[in-house]
C-alpha atoms as a PDB file:
ATOM      1  CA  UNK A   1      -0.047  -0.112   0.032  1.00  0.00           C
ATOM      2  CA  UNK A   2       1.437   3.383  -1.073  1.00  0.00           C
ATOM      3  CA  UNK A   3       1.130   6.191   1.365  1.00  0.00           C
ATOM      4  CA  UNK A   4       0.857   9.630  -0.128  1.00  0.00           C
ATOM      5  CA  UNK A   5      -0.092  13.253   0.688  1.00  0.00           C
ATOM      6  CA  UNK A   6      -3.764  13.212   0.285  1.00  0.00           C
ATOM      7  CA  UNK A   7      -3.837  17.053   0.226  1.00  0.00           C
ATOM      8  CA  UNK A   8      -1.494  17.226  -2.760  1.00  0.00           C
ATOM      9  CA  UNK A   9      -3.366  14.514  -4.650  1.00  0.00           C
ATOM     10  CA  UNK A  10      -6.780  16.307  -3.833  1.00  0.00           C
ATOM     11  CA  UNK A  11      -5.387  19.477  -5.274  1.00  0.00           C
ATOM     12  CA  UNK A  12      -4.253  17.713  -8.374  1.00  0.00           C
ATOM     13  CA  UNK A  13      -7.804  16.029  -8.557  1.00  0.00           C
ATOM     14  CA  UNK A  14      -9.264  19.469  -8.571  1.00  0.00           C
ATOM     15  CA  UNK A  15      -7.033  20.408 -11.626  1.00  0.00           C
ATOM     16  CA  UNK A  16      -7.072  17.253 -13.730  1.00  0.00           C
ATOM     17  CA  UNK A  17     -10.403  15.593 -12.960  1.00  0.00           C
ATOM     18  CA  UNK A  18     -12.717  18.562 -13.494  1.00  0.00           C
ATOM     19  CA  UNK A  19     -15.970  16.581 -14.129  1.00  0.00           C
ATOM     20  CA  UNK A  20     -15.844  15.418 -10.460  1.00  0.00           C
ATOM     21  CA  UNK A  21     -15.428  17.268  -7.260  1.00  0.00           C
ATOM     22  CA  UNK A  22     -11.952  16.631  -5.629  1.00  0.00           C
ATOM     23  CA  UNK A  23     -13.677  14.564  -2.977  1.00  0.00           C
ATOM     24  CA  UNK A  24     -15.376  12.561  -5.493  1.00  0.00           C
ATOM     25  CA  UNK A  25     -12.182  11.939  -7.429  1.00  0.00           C
ATOM     26  CA  UNK A  26     -10.135  10.938  -4.418  1.00  0.00           C
ATOM     27  CA  UNK A  27     -12.508   7.910  -4.036  1.00  0.00           C
ATOM     28  CA  UNK A  28     -10.327   6.344  -6.841  1.00  0.00           C
ATOM     29  CA  UNK A  29      -6.796   7.918  -6.501  1.00  0.00           C
ATOM     30  CA  UNK A  30      -5.511   5.719  -9.180  1.00  0.00           C
ATOM     31  CA  UNK A  31      -7.647   7.468 -11.663  1.00  0.00           C
ATOM     32  CA  UNK A  32      -6.323  10.761 -10.559  1.00  0.00           C
ATOM     33  CA  UNK A  33      -2.758   9.632 -10.949  1.00  0.00           C
ATOM     34  CA  UNK A  34      -3.664   8.148 -14.419  1.00  0.00           C
ATOM     35  CA  UNK A  35      -5.110  11.560 -15.453  1.00  0.00           C
ATOM     36  CA  UNK A  36      -1.970  13.453 -14.265  1.00  0.00           C
ATOM     37  CA  UNK A  37       0.074  10.739 -16.145  1.00  0.00           C
ATOM     38  CA  UNK A  38      -1.871  11.362 -19.215  1.00  0.00           C
ATOM     39  CA  UNK A  39      -2.151  15.200 -19.457  1.00  0.00           C
ATOM     40  CA  UNK A  40      -0.292  16.476 -16.486  1.00  0.00           C
ATOM     41  CA  UNK A  41       2.199  19.338 -16.823  1.00  0.00           C
ATOM     42  CA  UNK A  42       5.893  18.544 -16.259  1.00  0.00           C
ATOM     43  CA  UNK A  43       5.955  19.633 -12.672  1.00  0.00           C
ATOM     44  CA  UNK A  44       2.731  17.760 -11.589  1.00  0.00           C
ATOM     45  CA  UNK A  45       3.884  14.698 -13.254  1.00  0.00           C
ATOM     46  CA  UNK A  46       7.277  14.921 -11.500  1.00  0.00           C
ATOM     47  CA  UNK A  47       5.463  15.623  -8.253  1.00  0.00           C
ATOM     48  CA  UNK A  48       3.194  12.430  -8.768  1.00  0.00           C
ATOM     49  CA  UNK A  49       6.061  10.207  -9.848  1.00  0.00           C
ATOM     50  CA  UNK A  50       8.177  11.213  -6.901  1.00  0.00           C
ATOM     51  CA  UNK A  51       5.155  10.979  -4.254  1.00  0.00           C
ATOM     52  CA  UNK A  52       3.742   7.585  -5.618  1.00  0.00           C
ATOM     53  CA  UNK A  53       6.869   5.810  -6.767  1.00  0.00           C
ATOM     54  CA  UNK A  54       7.444   3.795 -10.024  1.00  0.00           C
ATOM     55  CA  UNK A  55       5.835   0.570  -8.757  1.00  0.00           C
ATOM     56  CA  UNK A  56       2.459   2.420  -8.140  1.00  0.00           C
ATOM     57  CA  UNK A  57       2.727   4.072 -11.544  1.00  0.00           C
ATOM     58  CA  UNK A  58       3.351   0.713 -13.236  1.00  0.00           C
ATOM     59  CA  UNK A  59       0.255  -0.697 -11.413  1.00  0.00           C
ATOM     60  CA  UNK A  60      -1.838   2.261 -12.706  1.00  0.00           C
ATOM     61  CA  UNK A  61      -0.356   1.824 -16.202  1.00  0.00           C
ATOM     62  CA  UNK A  62      -1.097  -1.924 -16.429  1.00  0.00           C
ATOM     63  CA  UNK A  63      -4.416  -1.655 -15.154  1.00  0.00           C
ATOM     64  CA  UNK A  64      -5.376   1.213 -17.285  1.00  0.00           C
ATOM     65  CA  UNK A  65      -8.975   1.485 -18.489  1.00  0.00           C
ATOM     66  CA  UNK A  66      -9.939   2.194 -22.099  1.00  0.00           C
ATOM     67  CA  UNK A  67      -9.451   5.774 -22.856  1.00  0.00           C
ATOM     68  CA  UNK A  68      -7.381   6.798 -19.845  1.00  0.00           C
ATOM     69  CA  UNK A  69      -4.196   7.208 -21.840  1.00  0.00           C
ATOM     70  CA  UNK A  70      -3.558   8.819 -25.237  1.00  0.00           C
ATOM     71  CA  UNK A  71      -1.076   7.060 -27.621  1.00  0.00           C
ATOM     72  CA  UNK A  72       1.746   9.424 -26.610  1.00  0.00           C
ATOM     73  CA  UNK A  73       1.400   9.047 -23.041  1.00  0.00           C
ATOM     74  CA  UNK A  74       0.938   5.271 -23.259  1.00  0.00           C
ATOM     75  CA  UNK A  75       4.208   4.863 -25.005  1.00  0.00           C
ATOM     76  CA  UNK A  76       6.044   7.462 -22.751  1.00  0.00           C
ATOM     77  CA  UNK A  77       5.124   5.657 -19.620  1.00  0.00           C
ATOM     78  CA  UNK A  78       5.881   2.347 -20.937  1.00  0.00           C
ATOM     79  CA  UNK A  79       9.460   3.325 -21.901  1.00  0.00           C
ATOM     80  CA  UNK A  80       9.834   5.524 -18.775  1.00  0.00           C
ATOM     81  CA  UNK A  81       8.773   2.677 -16.221  1.00  0.00           C
ATOM     82  CA  UNK A  82      10.772  -0.023 -18.162  1.00  0.00           C
ATOM     83  CA  UNK A  83       7.543  -1.947 -19.386  1.00  0.00           C
ATOM     84  CA  UNK A  84       8.321  -1.686 -23.156  1.00  0.00           C
ATOM     85  CA  UNK A  85      10.998  -4.251 -23.334  1.00  0.00           C
ATOM     86  CA  UNK A  86      12.740  -3.647 -26.567  1.00  0.00           C
ATOM     87  CA  UNK A  87      12.223  -0.429 -28.644  1.00  0.00           C
ATOM     88  CA  UNK A  88       8.947  -0.757 -30.571  1.00  0.00           C
ATOM     89  CA  UNK A  89       7.509  -3.349 -28.245  1.00  0.00           C
ATOM     90  CA  UNK A  90       4.940  -1.295 -26.202  1.00  0.00           C
ATOM     91  CA  UNK A  91       1.816  -3.441 -25.581  1.00  0.00           C
ATOM     92  CA  UNK A  92      -1.404  -2.179 -27.264  1.00  0.00           C
ATOM     93  CA  UNK A  93      -3.604   0.227 -25.532  1.00  0.00           C
ATOM     94  CA  UNK A  94      -6.669  -0.971 -23.963  1.00  0.00           C
ATOM     95  CA  UNK A  95      -9.601  -1.221 -26.327  1.00  0.00           C
ATOM     96  CA  UNK A  96     -13.237  -2.318 -26.515  1.00  0.00           C
ATOM     97  CA  UNK A  97     -14.012  -5.999 -27.664  1.00  0.00           C
ATOM     98  CA  UNK A  98     -16.713  -5.501 -30.063  1.00  0.00           C
END
Protein backbone atom coordinates (compact mmCIF):
# COMPACT_ATOMS: atom_id res chain seq x y z
CA UNK A 1 0.00 0.00 0.00
CA UNK A 2 1.35 3.39 -0.99
CA UNK A 3 1.11 6.25 1.44
CA UNK A 4 0.82 9.67 -0.11
CA UNK A 5 -0.06 13.23 0.75
CA UNK A 6 -3.83 13.28 0.27
CA UNK A 7 -3.98 17.07 0.16
CA UNK A 8 -1.53 17.23 -2.74
CA UNK A 9 -3.43 14.55 -4.65
CA UNK A 10 -6.73 16.28 -3.87
CA UNK A 11 -5.34 19.53 -5.31
CA UNK A 12 -4.31 17.64 -8.45
CA UNK A 13 -7.74 16.01 -8.60
CA UNK A 14 -9.31 19.47 -8.70
CA UNK A 15 -7.03 20.42 -11.58
CA UNK A 16 -7.13 17.25 -13.70
CA UNK A 17 -10.45 15.57 -12.90
CA UNK A 18 -12.64 18.59 -13.60
CA UNK A 19 -15.87 16.61 -14.10
CA UNK A 20 -15.94 15.52 -10.45
CA UNK A 21 -15.43 17.28 -7.17
CA UNK A 22 -11.98 16.67 -5.67
CA UNK A 23 -13.58 14.59 -2.91
CA UNK A 24 -15.38 12.39 -5.45
CA UNK A 25 -12.20 11.98 -7.49
CA UNK A 26 -10.24 10.97 -4.39
CA UNK A 27 -12.44 7.89 -4.01
CA UNK A 28 -10.26 6.41 -6.78
CA UNK A 29 -6.79 7.93 -6.43
CA UNK A 30 -5.43 5.71 -9.19
CA UNK A 31 -7.67 7.52 -11.67
CA UNK A 32 -6.33 10.87 -10.50
CA UNK A 33 -2.80 9.57 -10.96
CA UNK A 34 -3.63 8.19 -14.42
CA UNK A 35 -5.05 11.56 -15.44
CA UNK A 36 -1.90 13.36 -14.30
CA UNK A 37 0.23 10.77 -16.10
CA UNK A 38 -1.79 11.35 -19.26
CA UNK A 39 -2.23 15.14 -19.40
CA UNK A 40 -0.29 16.54 -16.45
CA UNK A 41 2.18 19.36 -16.82
CA UNK A 42 5.84 18.60 -16.20
CA UNK A 43 5.92 19.75 -12.58
CA UNK A 44 2.78 17.81 -11.66
CA UNK A 45 4.05 14.65 -13.36
CA UNK A 46 7.33 14.90 -11.43
CA UNK A 47 5.41 15.47 -8.21
CA UNK A 48 3.18 12.43 -8.72
CA UNK A 49 6.10 10.23 -9.81
CA UNK A 50 8.09 11.20 -6.72
CA UNK A 51 5.15 10.93 -4.33
CA UNK A 52 3.68 7.65 -5.62
CA UNK A 53 6.80 5.83 -6.84
CA UNK A 54 7.42 3.81 -9.99
CA UNK A 55 5.79 0.63 -8.70
CA UNK A 56 2.48 2.43 -8.15
CA UNK A 57 2.72 4.10 -11.58
CA UNK A 58 3.39 0.70 -13.18
CA UNK A 59 0.30 -0.67 -11.49
CA UNK A 60 -1.81 2.26 -12.73
CA UNK A 61 -0.51 1.77 -16.26
CA UNK A 62 -0.92 -2.00 -16.37
CA UNK A 63 -4.49 -1.71 -15.06
CA UNK A 64 -5.46 1.26 -17.24
CA UNK A 65 -8.99 1.44 -18.52
CA UNK A 66 -10.02 2.18 -22.06
CA UNK A 67 -9.45 5.85 -22.87
CA UNK A 68 -7.39 6.75 -19.79
CA UNK A 69 -4.21 7.31 -21.83
CA UNK A 70 -3.57 8.80 -25.22
CA UNK A 71 -1.05 7.06 -27.48
CA UNK A 72 1.77 9.49 -26.72
CA UNK A 73 1.44 9.09 -22.93
CA UNK A 74 0.94 5.33 -23.24
CA UNK A 75 4.21 4.97 -25.11
CA UNK A 76 6.12 7.41 -22.91
CA UNK A 77 5.15 5.71 -19.65
CA UNK A 78 5.89 2.22 -20.92
CA UNK A 79 9.42 3.31 -21.80
CA UNK A 80 9.85 5.49 -18.71
CA UNK A 81 8.77 2.69 -16.36
CA UNK A 82 10.69 -0.08 -18.14
CA UNK A 83 7.58 -1.92 -19.34
CA UNK A 84 8.26 -1.69 -23.07
CA UNK A 85 11.01 -4.27 -23.34
CA UNK A 86 12.82 -3.64 -26.60
CA UNK A 87 12.20 -0.50 -28.66
CA UNK A 88 8.95 -0.80 -30.56
CA UNK A 89 7.50 -3.40 -28.18
CA UNK A 90 4.97 -1.31 -26.30
CA UNK A 91 1.85 -3.34 -25.61
CA UNK A 92 -1.33 -2.25 -27.37
CA UNK A 93 -3.55 0.25 -25.63
CA UNK A 94 -6.70 -1.08 -23.96
CA UNK A 95 -9.61 -1.24 -26.38
CA UNK A 96 -13.19 -2.38 -26.45
CA UNK A 97 -14.03 -5.86 -27.57
CA UNK A 98 -16.74 -5.45 -30.18
